[in-house]
Amino acid sequence: MKQINQSIENQRLIAEVKTEQNLSYKKFAYDFLKLIIYLNKFNFQNSIFLSVNMPSIIVKEYIKRYFKERMYLPDSYDKLYIIIKENYSEEPITFNLQYFFDKEIRNYS
């Protein structure tokens, strides 16, 4: 059923959850792009990319590559949250795209 009212108060959260140990960059980029489309086009207040079972270094490299390839980016970086849980016994790593951009992209571009 198509949602008719796309006002911001009705669009709270959109999430992508990945549990693959060997998630390819192509699949990552496709899902990351979908989150950004929902933020920009459909007025979602927040989005979450949750990765379970994948090393944080790979997820971070994928995000860097996404920026480097000048893919479609959100209007507001602080509305996209990344949560990485490398395995079930580790504590999650959490940051938003603005923090990542400031610490990882802007300083090394």
N, C-alpha and C. Protein backbone atom coordinates (compact mmCIF):
# COMPACT_ATOMS: atom_id res chain seq x y z
N MET A 1 0.83 -1.17 0.00
CA MET A 1 0.00 0.00 0.00
C MET A 1 0.88 1.24 0.00
N LYS A 2 0.64 2.15 -0.88
CA LYS A 2 1.44 3.36 -1.02
C LYS A 2 1.05 4.37 0.06
N GLN A 3 2.08 4.93 0.70
CA GLN A 3 1.83 5.96 1.70
C GLN A 3 1.60 7.29 1.00
N ILE A 4 0.48 7.90 1.27
CA ILE A 4 0.11 9.15 0.61
C ILE A 4 0.75 10.35 1.31
N ASN A 5 0.74 10.36 2.62
CA ASN A 5 1.25 11.49 3.38
C ASN A 5 2.72 11.27 3.69
N GLN A 6 3.59 12.04 3.05
CA GLN A 6 5.02 11.92 3.26
C GLN A 6 5.58 13.08 4.08
N SER A 7 4.75 13.70 4.88
CA SER A 7 5.23 14.80 5.72
C SER A 7 6.20 14.24 6.76
N ILE A 8 7.12 15.09 7.20
CA ILE A 8 8.21 14.65 8.07
C ILE A 8 7.73 14.02 9.37
N GLU A 9 6.61 14.48 9.92
CA GLU A 9 6.14 13.90 11.18
C GLU A 9 5.68 12.46 11.01
N ASN A 10 5.43 12.02 9.80
CA ASN A 10 5.02 10.64 9.54
C ASN A 10 6.17 9.74 9.09
N GLN A 11 7.35 10.31 8.92
CA GLN A 11 8.50 9.55 8.42
C GLN A 11 9.59 9.57 9.50
N ARG A 12 9.51 8.66 10.42
CA ARG A 12 10.40 8.68 11.59
C ARG A 12 11.76 8.03 11.34
N LEU A 13 11.76 6.78 10.87
CA LEU A 13 13.01 6.03 10.81
C LEU A 13 12.96 5.01 9.68
N ILE A 14 14.06 4.92 8.97
CA ILE A 14 14.24 3.88 7.96
C ILE A 14 15.58 3.20 8.28
N ALA A 15 15.65 1.88 8.12
CA ALA A 15 16.87 1.16 8.48
C ALA A 15 17.19 0.07 7.46
N GLU A 16 18.47 -0.18 7.29
CA GLU A 16 18.98 -1.31 6.53
C GLU A 16 19.80 -2.14 7.51
N VAL A 17 19.54 -3.43 7.57
CA VAL A 17 20.26 -4.33 8.47
C VAL A 17 20.96 -5.38 7.62
N LYS A 18 22.27 -5.47 7.80
CA LYS A 18 23.07 -6.44 7.05
C LYS A 18 23.77 -7.36 8.03
N THR A 19 23.63 -8.67 7.83
CA THR A 19 24.26 -9.65 8.71
C THR A 19 25.29 -10.50 7.96
N GLU A 20 25.57 -10.15 6.73
CA GLU A 20 26.52 -10.93 5.93
C GLU A 20 27.95 -10.67 6.39
N GLN A 21 28.73 -11.73 6.50
CA GLN A 21 30.14 -11.57 6.85
C GLN A 21 30.95 -11.03 5.69
N ASN A 22 30.53 -11.33 4.50
CA ASN A 22 31.28 -10.92 3.31
C ASN A 22 30.41 -10.04 2.40
N LEU A 23 29.84 -9.02 2.96
CA LEU A 23 29.01 -8.09 2.19
C LEU A 23 29.88 -7.40 1.14
N SER A 24 29.46 -7.47 -0.10
CA SER A 24 30.24 -6.84 -1.17
C SER A 24 30.02 -5.32 -1.15
N TYR A 25 30.97 -4.60 -1.71
CA TYR A 25 30.81 -3.15 -1.79
C TYR A 25 29.58 -2.79 -2.62
N LYS A 26 29.35 -3.52 -3.67
CA LYS A 26 28.20 -3.23 -4.55
C LYS A 26 26.88 -3.31 -3.77
N LYS A 27 26.72 -4.34 -2.95
CA LYS A 27 25.50 -4.47 -2.13
C LYS A 27 25.44 -3.38 -1.07
N PHE A 28 26.59 -3.08 -0.46
CA PHE A 28 26.64 -2.00 0.52
C PHE A 28 26.19 -0.69 -0.12
N ALA A 29 26.79 -0.34 -1.24
CA ALA A 29 26.51 0.95 -1.90
C ALA A 29 25.03 1.04 -2.28
N TYR A 30 24.46 -0.05 -2.76
CA TYR A 30 23.04 -0.05 -3.14
C TYR A 30 22.16 0.23 -1.92
N ASP A 31 22.43 -0.42 -0.80
CA ASP A 31 21.62 -0.23 0.41
C ASP A 31 21.86 1.14 1.04
N PHE A 32 23.08 1.61 1.01
CA PHE A 32 23.40 2.94 1.53
C PHE A 32 22.68 4.01 0.70
N LEU A 33 22.69 3.82 -0.60
CA LEU A 33 21.99 4.73 -1.51
C LEU A 33 20.49 4.76 -1.20
N LYS A 34 19.89 3.60 -0.97
CA LYS A 34 18.46 3.56 -0.64
C LYS A 34 18.16 4.36 0.62
N LEU A 35 18.99 4.23 1.64
CA LEU A 35 18.79 5.01 2.86
C LEU A 35 18.81 6.51 2.57
N ILE A 36 19.74 6.92 1.75
CA ILE A 36 19.88 8.35 1.44
C ILE A 36 18.70 8.84 0.62
N ILE A 37 18.21 8.03 -0.28
CA ILE A 37 17.02 8.41 -1.04
C ILE A 37 15.83 8.61 -0.10
N TYR A 38 15.67 7.70 0.85
CA TYR A 38 14.57 7.85 1.81
C TYR A 38 14.72 9.11 2.65
N LEU A 39 15.95 9.45 3.01
CA LEU A 39 16.18 10.69 3.77
C LEU A 39 15.85 11.92 2.93
N ASN A 40 16.39 11.96 1.73
CA ASN A 40 16.26 13.16 0.89
C ASN A 40 14.90 13.30 0.24
N LYS A 41 14.42 12.24 -0.34
CA LYS A 41 13.21 12.33 -1.16
C LYS A 41 11.92 12.12 -0.37
N PHE A 42 11.97 11.25 0.62
CA PHE A 42 10.75 10.88 1.34
C PHE A 42 10.68 11.45 2.76
N ASN A 43 11.57 12.40 3.06
CA ASN A 43 11.51 13.18 4.30
C ASN A 43 11.67 12.38 5.58
N PHE A 44 12.42 11.28 5.56
CA PHE A 44 12.62 10.54 6.80
C PHE A 44 13.47 11.36 7.75
N GLN A 45 13.13 11.31 9.04
CA GLN A 45 13.85 12.07 10.04
C GLN A 45 15.23 11.49 10.34
N ASN A 46 15.34 10.17 10.30
CA ASN A 46 16.60 9.49 10.59
C ASN A 46 16.67 8.19 9.81
N SER A 47 17.91 7.74 9.61
CA SER A 47 18.12 6.44 8.99
C SER A 47 19.27 5.74 9.70
N ILE A 48 19.24 4.42 9.66
CA ILE A 48 20.26 3.61 10.32
C ILE A 48 20.76 2.55 9.33
N PHE A 49 22.08 2.46 9.25
CA PHE A 49 22.72 1.33 8.56
C PHE A 49 23.33 0.48 9.67
N LEU A 50 22.79 -0.71 9.87
CA LEU A 50 23.26 -1.62 10.91
C LEU A 50 23.97 -2.80 10.26
N SER A 51 25.23 -2.98 10.63
CA SER A 51 26.02 -4.09 10.12
C SER A 51 26.40 -5.00 11.28
N VAL A 52 26.06 -6.28 11.14
CA VAL A 52 26.40 -7.29 12.13
C VAL A 52 27.25 -8.35 11.43
N ASN A 53 28.32 -8.78 12.10
CA ASN A 53 29.19 -9.85 11.60
C ASN A 53 30.21 -9.39 10.55
N MET A 54 30.44 -8.11 10.45
CA MET A 54 31.41 -7.61 9.48
C MET A 54 32.38 -6.67 10.20
N PRO A 55 33.67 -6.78 9.94
CA PRO A 55 34.64 -5.91 10.61
C PRO A 55 34.37 -4.43 10.35
N SER A 56 34.53 -3.62 11.39
CA SER A 56 34.27 -2.19 11.25
C SER A 56 35.19 -1.55 10.23
N ILE A 57 36.41 -2.04 10.10
CA ILE A 57 37.34 -1.45 9.15
C ILE A 57 36.82 -1.56 7.72
N ILE A 58 36.13 -2.65 7.41
CA ILE A 58 35.58 -2.84 6.07
C ILE A 58 34.40 -1.90 5.85
N VAL A 59 33.52 -1.81 6.83
CA VAL A 59 32.37 -0.90 6.70
C VAL A 59 32.87 0.53 6.50
N LYS A 60 33.85 0.93 7.28
CA LYS A 60 34.39 2.29 7.16
C LYS A 60 35.06 2.51 5.81
N GLU A 61 35.76 1.51 5.31
CA GLU A 61 36.37 1.63 3.98
C GLU A 61 35.31 1.75 2.90
N TYR A 62 34.21 1.02 3.05
CA TYR A 62 33.11 1.12 2.09
C TYR A 62 32.50 2.53 2.11
N ILE A 63 32.35 3.10 3.29
CA ILE A 63 31.81 4.46 3.38
C ILE A 63 32.77 5.45 2.71
N LYS A 64 34.05 5.30 2.97
CA LYS A 64 35.05 6.18 2.33
C LYS A 64 34.98 6.05 0.81
N ARG A 65 34.87 4.82 0.34
CA ARG A 65 34.80 4.59 -1.11
C ARG A 65 33.53 5.22 -1.69
N TYR A 66 32.43 5.11 -0.97
CA TYR A 66 31.17 5.70 -1.40
C TYR A 66 31.35 7.21 -1.60
N PHE A 67 32.00 7.87 -0.65
CA PHE A 67 32.29 9.31 -0.78
C PHE A 67 33.23 9.57 -1.95
N LYS A 68 34.28 8.79 -2.04
CA LYS A 68 35.29 8.98 -3.09
C LYS A 68 34.69 8.86 -4.49
N GLU A 69 33.74 7.96 -4.62
CA GLU A 69 33.10 7.77 -5.93
C GLU A 69 32.01 8.80 -6.20
N ARG A 70 31.84 9.71 -5.26
CA ARG A 70 30.88 10.82 -5.39
C ARG A 70 29.46 10.33 -5.66
N MET A 71 29.10 9.35 -4.87
CA MET A 71 27.75 8.81 -4.96
C MET A 71 26.75 9.83 -4.41
N TYR A 72 25.48 9.56 -4.56
CA TYR A 72 24.40 10.42 -4.07
C TYR A 72 24.48 10.51 -2.55
N LEU A 73 24.52 11.74 -2.03
CA LEU A 73 24.73 11.95 -0.59
C LEU A 73 23.51 12.59 0.05
N PRO A 74 23.36 12.41 1.36
CA PRO A 74 22.21 13.00 2.04
C PRO A 74 22.33 14.51 2.14
N ASP A 75 21.19 15.17 2.22
CA ASP A 75 21.17 16.61 2.42
C ASP A 75 21.74 16.96 3.79
N SER A 76 21.54 16.09 4.75
CA SER A 76 22.02 16.30 6.12
C SER A 76 22.73 15.04 6.60
N TYR A 77 24.04 15.13 6.81
CA TYR A 77 24.83 13.96 7.22
C TYR A 77 24.51 13.50 8.63
N ASP A 78 23.97 14.38 9.45
CA ASP A 78 23.74 13.99 10.84
C ASP A 78 22.48 13.16 11.05
N LYS A 79 21.75 12.86 9.99
CA LYS A 79 20.54 12.05 10.10
C LYS A 79 20.76 10.58 9.73
N LEU A 80 21.97 10.25 9.29
CA LEU A 80 22.27 8.87 8.91
C LEU A 80 23.24 8.30 9.94
N TYR A 81 22.78 7.28 10.66
CA TYR A 81 23.57 6.64 11.71
C TYR A 81 24.09 5.30 11.23
N ILE A 82 25.34 5.02 11.60
CA ILE A 82 25.94 3.73 11.28
C ILE A 82 26.19 3.01 12.60
N ILE A 83 25.73 1.78 12.67
CA ILE A 83 25.96 0.94 13.85
C ILE A 83 26.64 -0.33 13.35
N ILE A 84 27.78 -0.61 13.93
CA ILE A 84 28.55 -1.80 13.53
C ILE A 84 28.74 -2.69 14.75
N LYS A 85 28.29 -3.91 14.61
CA LYS A 85 28.49 -4.91 15.67
C LYS A 85 29.27 -6.05 15.01
N GLU A 86 30.58 -6.03 15.22
CA GLU A 86 31.46 -6.95 14.51
C GLU A 86 31.13 -8.41 14.77
N ASN A 87 30.73 -8.72 15.99
CA ASN A 87 30.24 -10.05 16.33
C ASN A 87 29.35 -9.91 17.55
N TYR A 88 28.73 -10.98 17.93
CA TYR A 88 27.72 -10.91 18.99
C TYR A 88 28.30 -10.62 20.36
N SER A 89 29.59 -10.84 20.57
CA SER A 89 30.19 -10.58 21.87
C SER A 89 30.79 -9.17 21.99
N GLU A 90 30.94 -8.47 20.88
CA GLU A 90 31.53 -7.13 20.90
C GLU A 90 30.47 -6.06 21.15
N GLU A 91 30.91 -4.96 21.74
CA GLU A 91 30.04 -3.80 21.90
C GLU A 91 29.86 -3.13 20.54
N PRO A 92 28.70 -2.56 20.28
CA PRO A 92 28.50 -1.90 18.99
C PRO A 92 29.31 -0.60 18.89
N ILE A 93 29.71 -0.30 17.67
CA ILE A 93 30.35 0.97 17.33
C ILE A 93 29.27 1.81 16.67
N THR A 94 29.06 3.03 17.16
CA THR A 94 27.97 3.86 16.66
C THR A 94 28.48 5.26 16.35
N PHE A 95 28.10 5.78 15.20
CA PHE A 95 28.44 7.15 14.82
C PHE A 95 27.47 7.59 13.73
N ASN A 96 27.38 8.89 13.52
CA ASN A 96 26.58 9.34 12.39
C ASN A 96 27.50 9.75 11.25
N LEU A 97 26.93 9.94 10.09
CA LEU A 97 27.72 10.22 8.90
C LEU A 97 28.46 11.55 9.03
N GLN A 98 27.89 12.51 9.72
CA GLN A 98 28.57 13.80 9.91
C GLN A 98 29.87 13.61 10.70
N TYR A 99 29.80 12.84 11.77
CA TYR A 99 30.99 12.55 12.58
C TYR A 99 32.04 11.84 11.72
N PHE A 100 31.62 10.85 10.97
CA PHE A 100 32.55 10.10 10.12
C PHE A 100 33.17 11.02 9.09
N PHE A 101 32.37 11.86 8.45
CA PHE A 101 32.88 12.78 7.45
C PHE A 101 33.92 13.71 8.07
N ASP A 102 33.61 14.27 9.23
CA ASP A 102 34.52 15.20 9.90
C ASP A 102 35.83 14.53 10.30
N LYS A 103 35.76 13.31 10.79
CA LYS A 103 36.96 12.62 11.31
C LYS A 103 37.73 11.83 10.25
N GLU A 104 37.03 11.26 9.28
CA GLU A 104 37.66 10.33 8.34
C GLU A 104 37.81 10.85 6.92
N ILE A 105 36.87 11.67 6.48
CA ILE A 105 36.88 12.10 5.08
C ILE A 105 37.52 13.47 4.92
N ARG A 106 37.00 14.43 5.60
CA ARG A 106 37.47 15.82 5.46
C ARG A 106 38.95 15.95 5.77
N ASN A 107 39.43 15.26 6.77
CA ASN A 107 40.83 15.38 7.19
C ASN A 107 41.81 14.68 6.26
N TYR A 108 41.31 13.79 5.39
CA TYR A 108 42.20 13.02 4.55
C TYR A 108 41.91 13.18 3.07
N SER A 109 41.10 14.13 2.72
CA SER A 109 40.75 14.35 1.30
C SER A 109 41.86 15.04 0.57
